[in-house]
Amino acid sequence: MIKSAHKQHFDEYGYVTLPKLFVEGQLSPIRELVDVFHHKWCMHNYEFYSKQAVNSSGLTSQQYLNDAMRLSLFELICDTSILNVVQQIIPAPLFMGTQLFFDPVTAEQANYWHRDPQYHLSPEEQKAALSGPEVLHVRIPLRDEPGIELIPGSHRQWDNEEELQVRLQQNGHTNAEHLSRGKTLPLQYGDGLVFSANMIHRGLYGNNRLSLDILYCERATHLIEFINPEHQPSAAMQAKLNQNLFL
């Protein structure tokens, strides 16, 4: 079976860049509802936001957005321009959740290298996770931004000594230090970026960034356990969406 160019690139490097994924104006309604969510979330989580937060989650819940806004987000989650790429990597994906990334209030706050699973898995379990199943971020910048920095191929490769000590802050190292294999991927409004949650990466702050991440995962039991039913569409919404992405 011949692999697509996106699949080949992802298998080798762990990410796929999608320049100008969305045409002018296509994201304007999304930006408006994200602004509503972000304002309400910041007010409700003011202490956390003002001291250390760089992201929020659960945009598709009913907590801050009405059903019309939520449906618009679910329509984006089902957008064929996104799924055509995601399904090359995960043939039968599930919608896992959403995150919104923004700059910290404190300008001196450092960005940090990490693998997503390190917050709930031991190093040995993190190493085992590199063989799958896969979780994908689809990042959609809502304004031009510095983007992310990542270690190409680290979705399948374990950290070298430098990376492990920096990422896990061992032997006096901090997770904000420069890594020699780091690759910077700037993002412009309308671009898309698909990358593995397993890979070593960090967000780059600046230009008042505002990026929406949609997460998709393989249908593995231990991943499905992380899916919050409150972030899923209602049965009536699912009937309009016509996609087998939801629980």
C-alpha atoms as a PDB file:
ATOM      1  CA  MET A   1       0.000   0.000   0.000  1.00  0.00           C
ATOM      2  CA  ILE A   2       1.444   3.361  -1.058  1.00  0.00           C
ATOM      3  CA  LYS A   3       1.477   5.913   1.750  1.00  0.00           C
ATOM      4  CA  SER A   4       0.255   9.456   1.126  1.00  0.00           C
ATOM      5  CA  ALA A   5       2.757  12.302   1.405  1.00  0.00           C
ATOM      6  CA  HIS A   6       1.164  13.438   4.688  1.00  0.00           C
ATOM      7  CA  LYS A   7       1.321   9.928   6.143  1.00  0.00           C
ATOM      8  CA  GLN A   8       4.940   9.508   5.077  1.00  0.00           C
ATOM      9  CA  HIS A   9       5.939  12.823   6.624  1.00  0.00           C
ATOM     10  CA  PHE A  10       4.080  12.092   9.851  1.00  0.00           C
ATOM     11  CA  ASP A  11       5.558   8.610  10.186  1.00  0.00           C
ATOM     12  CA  GLU A  12       9.079  10.000   9.892  1.00  0.00           C
ATOM     13  CA  TYR A  13       8.817  13.335  11.697  1.00  0.00           C
ATOM     14  CA  GLY A  14       5.653  13.222  13.848  1.00  0.00           C
ATOM     15  CA  TYR A  15       3.968  16.283  12.389  1.00  0.00           C
ATOM     16  CA  VAL A  16       2.407  17.668   9.202  1.00  0.00           C
ATOM     17  CA  THR A  17       2.233  21.377   8.329  1.00  0.00           C
ATOM     18  CA  LEU A  18      -0.846  22.545   6.427  1.00  0.00           C
ATOM     19  CA  PRO A  19      -0.233  26.081   5.116  1.00  0.00           C
ATOM     20  CA  LYS A  20      -3.375  28.073   4.288  1.00  0.00           C
ATOM     21  CA  LEU A  21      -5.660  25.243   5.338  1.00  0.00           C
ATOM     22  CA  PHE A  22      -8.537  27.704   5.724  1.00  0.00           C
ATOM     23  CA  VAL A  23      -9.523  30.413   3.263  1.00  0.00           C
ATOM     24  CA  GLU A  24      -9.973  34.055   4.221  1.00  0.00           C
ATOM     25  CA  GLY A  25     -12.998  34.551   6.457  1.00  0.00           C
ATOM     26  CA  GLN A  26     -13.627  30.850   7.090  1.00  0.00           C
ATOM     27  CA  LEU A  27     -12.379  31.084  10.660  1.00  0.00           C
ATOM     28  CA  SER A  28     -14.017  34.414  11.536  1.00  0.00           C
ATOM     29  CA  PRO A  29     -17.076  32.823  13.255  1.00  0.00           C
ATOM     30  CA  ILE A  30     -14.769  30.451  15.154  1.00  0.00           C
ATOM     31  CA  ARG A  31     -12.613  33.337  16.305  1.00  0.00           C
ATOM     32  CA  GLU A  32     -15.712  35.153  17.589  1.00  0.00           C
ATOM     33  CA  LEU A  33     -16.978  32.240  19.672  1.00  0.00           C
ATOM     34  CA  VAL A  34     -13.464  31.466  20.923  1.00  0.00           C
ATOM     35  CA  ASP A  35     -13.228  35.070  22.130  1.00  0.00           C
ATOM     36  CA  VAL A  36     -16.489  34.570  24.043  1.00  0.00           C
ATOM     37  CA  PHE A  37     -15.208  31.352  25.610  1.00  0.00           C
ATOM     38  CA  HIS A  38     -11.823  32.836  26.468  1.00  0.00           C
ATOM     39  CA  HIS A  39     -13.291  35.919  28.134  1.00  0.00           C
ATOM     40  CA  LYS A  40     -15.674  33.870  30.275  1.00  0.00           C
ATOM     41  CA  TRP A  41     -13.029  31.275  31.119  1.00  0.00           C
ATOM     42  CA  CYS A  42     -10.526  33.933  32.206  1.00  0.00           C
ATOM     43  CA  MET A  43     -13.113  35.604  34.432  1.00  0.00           C
ATOM     44  CA  HIS A  44     -14.099  32.287  36.008  1.00  0.00           C
ATOM     45  CA  ASN A  45     -10.474  31.159  36.480  1.00  0.00           C
ATOM     46  CA  TYR A  46      -8.920  34.540  37.131  1.00  0.00           C
ATOM     47  CA  GLU A  47      -6.372  33.538  39.787  1.00  0.00           C
ATOM     48  CA  PHE A  48      -5.073  30.592  37.766  1.00  0.00           C
ATOM     49  CA  TYR A  49      -5.063  32.659  34.560  1.00  0.00           C
ATOM     50  CA  SER A  50      -3.234  35.598  36.108  1.00  0.00           C
ATOM     51  CA  LYS A  51      -0.542  33.482  37.797  1.00  0.00           C
ATOM     52  CA  GLN A  52       0.428  30.670  35.424  1.00  0.00           C
ATOM     53  CA  ALA A  53      -2.113  29.465  32.838  1.00  0.00           C
ATOM     54  CA  VAL A  54      -1.139  29.110  29.180  1.00  0.00           C
ATOM     55  CA  ASN A  55      -4.103  27.030  28.036  1.00  0.00           C
ATOM     56  CA  SER A  56      -7.705  26.083  28.772  1.00  0.00           C
ATOM     57  CA  SER A  57      -9.841  23.163  27.639  1.00  0.00           C
ATOM     58  CA  GLY A  58     -13.386  21.947  27.122  1.00  0.00           C
ATOM     59  CA  LEU A  59     -14.574  24.542  24.609  1.00  0.00           C
ATOM     60  CA  THR A  60     -17.344  22.219  23.414  1.00  0.00           C
ATOM     61  CA  SER A  61     -18.955  21.869  26.848  1.00  0.00           C
ATOM     62  CA  GLN A  62     -22.109  23.776  27.754  1.00  0.00           C
ATOM     63  CA  GLN A  63     -20.379  25.787  30.482  1.00  0.00           C
ATOM     64  CA  TYR A  64     -19.498  28.905  28.469  1.00  0.00           C
ATOM     65  CA  LEU A  65     -20.995  28.549  24.960  1.00  0.00           C
ATOM     66  CA  ASN A  66     -24.568  28.142  23.758  1.00  0.00           C
ATOM     67  CA  ASP A  67     -25.664  25.256  21.527  1.00  0.00           C
ATOM     68  CA  ALA A  68     -25.358  27.243  18.284  1.00  0.00           C
ATOM     69  CA  MET A  69     -21.739  28.100  19.126  1.00  0.00           C
ATOM     70  CA  ARG A  70     -21.014  24.523  20.153  1.00  0.00           C
ATOM     71  CA  LEU A  71     -22.462  23.225  16.896  1.00  0.00           C
ATOM     72  CA  SER A  72     -20.157  25.563  14.960  1.00  0.00           C
ATOM     73  CA  LEU A  73     -17.196  24.072  16.793  1.00  0.00           C
ATOM     74  CA  PHE A  74     -18.381  20.520  16.119  1.00  0.00           C
ATOM     75  CA  GLU A  75     -18.754  21.399  12.428  1.00  0.00           C
ATOM     76  CA  LEU A  76     -15.117  22.519  12.431  1.00  0.00           C
ATOM     77  CA  ILE A  77     -14.118  19.296  14.198  1.00  0.00           C
ATOM     78  CA  CYS A  78     -15.866  17.395  11.368  1.00  0.00           C
ATOM     79  CA  ASP A  79     -14.429  19.573   8.589  1.00  0.00           C
ATOM     80  CA  THR A  80     -13.244  17.416   5.697  1.00  0.00           C
ATOM     81  CA  SER A  81     -10.103  19.519   5.142  1.00  0.00           C
ATOM     82  CA  ILE A  82      -8.982  18.465   8.633  1.00  0.00           C
ATOM     83  CA  LEU A  83     -10.264  14.893   8.540  1.00  0.00           C
ATOM     84  CA  ASN A  84      -8.717  14.170   5.148  1.00  0.00           C
ATOM     85  CA  VAL A  85      -5.326  14.524   6.845  1.00  0.00           C
ATOM     86  CA  VAL A  86      -6.216  13.040  10.249  1.00  0.00           C
ATOM     87  CA  GLN A  87      -7.694   9.904   8.686  1.00  0.00           C
ATOM     88  CA  GLN A  88      -4.486   9.245   6.769  1.00  0.00           C
ATOM     89  CA  ILE A  89      -2.809   8.837  10.164  1.00  0.00           C
ATOM     90  CA  ILE A  90      -5.727   7.469  12.237  1.00  0.00           C
ATOM     91  CA  PRO A  91      -8.168   5.745   9.843  1.00  0.00           C
ATOM     92  CA  ALA A  92     -11.081   5.712  12.320  1.00  0.00           C
ATOM     93  CA  PRO A  93     -10.452   8.631  14.705  1.00  0.00           C
ATOM     94  CA  LEU A  94     -12.466   9.701  17.724  1.00  0.00           C
ATOM     95  CA  PHE A  95     -12.872  13.298  18.829  1.00  0.00           C
ATOM     96  CA  MET A  96     -11.051  13.538  22.136  1.00  0.00           C
ATOM     97  CA  GLY A  97     -11.373  17.178  23.167  1.00  0.00           C
ATOM     98  CA  THR A  98     -10.315  20.779  22.606  1.00  0.00           C
ATOM     99  CA  GLN A  99      -7.737  23.126  24.074  1.00  0.00           C
ATOM    100  CA  LEU A 100      -7.094  26.841  23.667  1.00  0.00           C
ATOM    101  CA  PHE A 101      -3.531  28.147  23.918  1.00  0.00           C
ATOM    102  CA  PHE A 102      -2.671  31.734  24.837  1.00  0.00           C
ATOM    103  CA  ASP A 103       0.239  33.739  26.229  1.00  0.00           C
ATOM    104  CA  PRO A 104       0.885  33.802  29.980  1.00  0.00           C
ATOM    105  CA  VAL A 105       0.024  37.030  31.795  1.00  0.00           C
ATOM    106  CA  THR A 106       3.571  37.199  33.174  1.00  0.00           C
ATOM    107  CA  ALA A 107       5.912  37.941  30.284  1.00  0.00           C
ATOM    108  CA  GLU A 108       8.864  36.334  32.092  1.00  0.00           C
ATOM    109  CA  GLN A 109       7.102  32.957  32.341  1.00  0.00           C
ATOM    110  CA  ALA A 110       9.136  30.394  30.400  1.00  0.00           C
ATOM    111  CA  ASN A 111       7.773  27.905  27.922  1.00  0.00           C
ATOM    112  CA  TYR A 112       8.595  24.275  28.620  1.00  0.00           C
ATOM    113  CA  TRP A 113       9.484  21.077  26.816  1.00  0.00           C
ATOM    114  CA  HIS A 114       7.186  18.129  27.439  1.00  0.00           C
ATOM    115  CA  ARG A 115       5.475  15.064  26.071  1.00  0.00           C
ATOM    116  CA  ASP A 116       1.738  15.122  26.800  1.00  0.00           C
ATOM    117  CA  PRO A 117       1.708  11.660  28.448  1.00  0.00           C
ATOM    118  CA  GLN A 118       4.364  12.607  31.010  1.00  0.00           C
ATOM    119  CA  TYR A 119       1.676  14.083  33.248  1.00  0.00           C
ATOM    120  CA  HIS A 120       0.052  10.713  33.870  1.00  0.00           C
ATOM    121  CA  LEU A 121       2.658   8.102  32.878  1.00  0.00           C
ATOM    122  CA  SER A 122       6.016   7.067  34.305  1.00  0.00           C
ATOM    123  CA  PRO A 123       9.096   7.415  32.054  1.00  0.00           C
ATOM    124  CA  GLU A 124       8.953   3.690  31.257  1.00  0.00           C
ATOM    125  CA  GLU A 125       5.257   3.967  30.385  1.00  0.00           C
ATOM    126  CA  GLN A 126       5.991   7.040  28.257  1.00  0.00           C
ATOM    127  CA  LYS A 127       8.591   5.050  26.357  1.00  0.00           C
ATOM    128  CA  ALA A 128       6.100   2.222  25.786  1.00  0.00           C
ATOM    129  CA  ALA A 129       3.493   4.716  24.522  1.00  0.00           C
ATOM    130  CA  LEU A 130       5.733   5.579  21.569  1.00  0.00           C
ATOM    131  CA  SER A 131       4.552   2.411  19.852  1.00  0.00           C
ATOM    132  CA  GLY A 132       0.945   3.662  19.958  1.00  0.00           C
ATOM    133  CA  PRO A 133      -1.987   4.062  20.001  1.00  0.00           C
ATOM    134  CA  GLU A 134      -1.845   7.610  18.653  1.00  0.00           C
ATOM    135  CA  VAL A 135      -3.287  10.904  19.875  1.00  0.00           C
ATOM    136  CA  LEU A 136      -3.159  13.849  17.450  1.00  0.00           C
ATOM    137  CA  HIS A 137      -3.286  17.588  17.992  1.00  0.00           C
ATOM    138  CA  VAL A 138      -4.652  19.671  15.135  1.00  0.00           C
ATOM    139  CA  ARG A 139      -3.540  23.217  15.905  1.00  0.00           C
ATOM    140  CA  ILE A 140      -5.425  26.090  14.285  1.00  0.00           C
ATOM    141  CA  PRO A 141      -3.879  29.516  14.951  1.00  0.00           C
ATOM    142  CA  LEU A 142      -6.452  32.303  15.157  1.00  0.00           C
ATOM    143  CA  ARG A 143      -3.798  34.956  14.593  1.00  0.00           C
ATOM    144  CA  ASP A 144      -0.210  34.902  13.339  1.00  0.00           C
ATOM    145  CA  GLU A 145       2.059  33.500  16.057  1.00  0.00           C
ATOM    146  CA  PRO A 146       5.560  32.129  16.730  1.00  0.00           C
ATOM    147  CA  GLY A 147       4.091  28.601  16.640  1.00  0.00           C
ATOM    148  CA  ILE A 148       5.667  25.599  18.350  1.00  0.00           C
ATOM    149  CA  GLU A 149       9.105  24.066  18.690  1.00  0.00           C
ATOM    150  CA  LEU A 150       9.441  20.298  18.513  1.00  0.00           C
ATOM    151  CA  ILE A 151      11.903  17.456  18.207  1.00  0.00           C
ATOM    152  CA  PRO A 152      11.254  15.803  14.817  1.00  0.00           C
ATOM    153  CA  GLY A 153      10.856  12.047  15.067  1.00  0.00           C
ATOM    154  CA  SER A 154      10.425  12.028  18.855  1.00  0.00           C
ATOM    155  CA  HIS A 155       6.915  10.613  18.510  1.00  0.00           C
ATOM    156  CA  ARG A 156       8.651   7.276  17.866  1.00  0.00           C
ATOM    157  CA  GLN A 157      12.112   7.894  19.384  1.00  0.00           C
ATOM    158  CA  TRP A 158      12.943   8.130  23.071  1.00  0.00           C
ATOM    159  CA  ASP A 159      14.770  11.209  24.387  1.00  0.00           C
ATOM    160  CA  ASN A 160      18.521  11.450  24.042  1.00  0.00           C
ATOM    161  CA  GLU A 161      20.418  12.314  27.236  1.00  0.00           C
ATOM    162  CA  GLU A 162      20.161  16.094  26.720  1.00  0.00           C
ATOM    163  CA  GLU A 163      16.429  15.958  25.998  1.00  0.00           C
ATOM    164  CA  LEU A 164      15.583  13.694  28.921  1.00  0.00           C
ATOM    165  CA  GLN A 165      17.465  15.788  31.457  1.00  0.00           C
ATOM    166  CA  VAL A 166      15.893  19.021  30.204  1.00  0.00           C
ATOM    167  CA  ARG A 167      12.357  17.691  29.805  1.00  0.00           C
ATOM    168  CA  LEU A 168      12.286  16.003  33.219  1.00  0.00           C
ATOM    169  CA  GLN A 169      14.446  18.710  34.864  1.00  0.00           C
ATOM    170  CA  GLN A 170      17.153  16.325  36.019  1.00  0.00           C
ATOM    171  CA  ASN A 171      20.660  17.119  37.316  1.00  0.00           C
ATOM    172  CA  GLY A 172      19.999  20.837  37.662  1.00  0.00           C
ATOM    173  CA  HIS A 173      18.479  21.329  34.212  1.00  0.00           C
ATOM    174  CA  THR A 174      15.210  23.183  33.586  1.00  0.00           C
ATOM    175  CA  ASN A 175      12.567  22.329  31.014  1.00  0.00           C
ATOM    176  CA  ALA A 176      12.909  25.756  29.372  1.00  0.00           C
ATOM    177  CA  GLU A 177      16.483  25.239  28.151  1.00  0.00           C
ATOM    178  CA  HIS A 178      17.490  25.154  24.493  1.00  0.00           C
ATOM    179  CA  LEU A 179      17.536  21.713  22.873  1.00  0.00           C
ATOM    180  CA  SER A 180      19.953  21.156  20.020  1.00  0.00           C
ATOM    181  CA  ARG A 181      17.497  19.116  17.896  1.00  0.00           C
ATOM    182  CA  GLY A 182      14.636  21.590  18.315  1.00  0.00           C
ATOM    183  CA  LYS A 183      12.815  22.729  15.156  1.00  0.00           C
ATOM    184  CA  THR A 184      10.635  25.857  15.155  1.00  0.00           C
ATOM    185  CA  LEU A 185       7.395  25.868  13.147  1.00  0.00           C
ATOM    186  CA  PRO A 186       5.914  29.392  12.894  1.00  0.00           C
ATOM    187  CA  LEU A 187       2.168  29.541  12.206  1.00  0.00           C
ATOM    188  CA  GLN A 188       0.022  32.065  10.406  1.00  0.00           C
ATOM    189  CA  TYR A 189      -3.696  32.679  10.696  1.00  0.00           C
ATOM    190  CA  GLY A 190      -5.424  30.103   8.504  1.00  0.00           C
ATOM    191  CA  ASP A 191      -2.659  27.506   8.722  1.00  0.00           C
ATOM    192  CA  GLY A 192      -3.025  24.091  10.325  1.00  0.00           C
ATOM    193  CA  LEU A 193      -0.522  21.887  12.106  1.00  0.00           C
ATOM    194  CA  VAL A 194      -1.024  18.207  12.922  1.00  0.00           C
ATOM    195  CA  PHE A 195       1.363  16.681  15.469  1.00  0.00           C
ATOM    196  CA  SER A 196       1.609  13.715  17.787  1.00  0.00           C
ATOM    197  CA  ALA A 197       0.842  14.239  21.483  1.00  0.00           C
ATOM    198  CA  ASN A 198       3.695  11.809  22.197  1.00  0.00           C
ATOM    199  CA  MET A 199       6.422  13.999  20.730  1.00  0.00           C
ATOM    200  CA  ILE A 200       8.697  16.362  22.639  1.00  0.00           C
ATOM    201  CA  HIS A 201       7.412  19.874  22.016  1.00  0.00           C
ATOM    202  CA  ARG A 202       6.731  23.286  23.522  1.00  0.00           C
ATOM    203  CA  GLY A 203       4.557  26.229  22.588  1.00  0.00           C
ATOM    204  CA  LEU A 204       6.242  29.514  21.711  1.00  0.00           C
ATOM    205  CA  TYR A 205       4.747  32.593  23.355  1.00  0.00           C
ATOM    206  CA  GLY A 206       4.324  35.942  21.650  1.00  0.00           C
ATOM    207  CA  ASN A 207       2.077  38.135  19.483  1.00  0.00           C
ATOM    208  CA  ASN A 208      -0.797  37.507  21.939  1.00  0.00           C
ATOM    209  CA  ARG A 209      -1.180  34.014  20.537  1.00  0.00           C
ATOM    210  CA  LEU A 210      -4.585  32.352  20.394  1.00  0.00           C
ATOM    211  CA  SER A 211      -4.558  28.817  19.003  1.00  0.00           C
ATOM    212  CA  LEU A 212      -7.329  26.255  19.006  1.00  0.00           C
ATOM    213  CA  ASP A 213      -6.252  22.620  19.297  1.00  0.00           C
ATOM    214  CA  ILE A 214      -8.609  19.794  18.345  1.00  0.00           C
ATOM    215  CA  LEU A 215      -7.534  16.395  19.667  1.00  0.00           C
ATOM    216  CA  TYR A 216      -8.318  13.108  17.922  1.00  0.00           C
ATOM    217  CA  CYS A 217      -7.361   9.637  19.133  1.00  0.00           C
ATOM    218  CA  GLU A 218      -7.414   6.003  18.144  1.00  0.00           C
ATOM    219  CA  ARG A 219     -10.211   3.850  19.535  1.00  0.00           C
ATOM    220  CA  ALA A 220      -8.228   2.364  22.402  1.00  0.00           C
ATOM    221  CA  THR A 221      -9.971   1.789  25.731  1.00  0.00           C
ATOM    222  CA  HIS A 222      -7.350   3.567  27.825  1.00  0.00           C
ATOM    223  CA  LEU A 223      -7.619   6.655  25.591  1.00  0.00           C
ATOM    224  CA  ILE A 224     -11.414   6.663  25.494  1.00  0.00           C
ATOM    225  CA  GLU A 225     -11.346   6.894  29.298  1.00  0.00           C
ATOM    226  CA  PHE A 226      -9.986  10.442  28.913  1.00  0.00           C
ATOM    227  CA  ILE A 227     -12.947  11.578  26.793  1.00  0.00           C
ATOM    228  CA  ASN A 228     -15.387  13.691  28.795  1.00  0.00           C
ATOM    229  CA  PRO A 229     -19.021  12.951  27.771  1.00  0.00           C
ATOM    230  CA  GLU A 230     -19.913  16.571  28.592  1.00  0.00           C
ATOM    231  CA  HIS A 231     -17.677  17.698  25.726  1.00  0.00           C
ATOM    232  CA  GLN A 232     -19.520  15.542  23.179  1.00  0.00           C
ATOM    233  CA  PRO A 233     -22.403  16.709  20.956  1.00  0.00           C
ATOM    234  CA  SER A 234     -25.993  15.848  21.774  1.00  0.00           C
ATOM    235  CA  ALA A 235     -27.801  13.198  19.728  1.00  0.00           C
ATOM    236  CA  ALA A 236     -29.616  15.972  17.831  1.00  0.00           C
ATOM    237  CA  MET A 237     -26.289  17.620  16.979  1.00  0.00           C
ATOM    238  CA  GLN A 238     -24.743  14.332  15.910  1.00  0.00           C
ATOM    239  CA  ALA A 239     -27.603  13.786  13.464  1.00  0.00           C
ATOM    240  CA  LYS A 240     -26.651  17.087  11.771  1.00  0.00           C
ATOM    241  CA  LEU A 241     -22.927  16.374  11.741  1.00  0.00           C
ATOM    242  CA  ASN A 242     -23.027  13.009   9.943  1.00  0.00           C
ATOM    243  CA  GLN A 243     -19.628  11.903  11.188  1.00  0.00           C
ATOM    244  CA  ASN A 244     -18.668   8.855  13.201  1.00  0.00           C
ATOM    245  CA  LEU A 245     -16.267  10.814  15.411  1.00  0.00           C
ATOM    246  CA  PHE A 246     -18.166  10.892  18.665  1.00  0.00           C
ATOM    247  CA  LEU A 247     -19.074   8.564  21.513  1.00  0.00           C
END
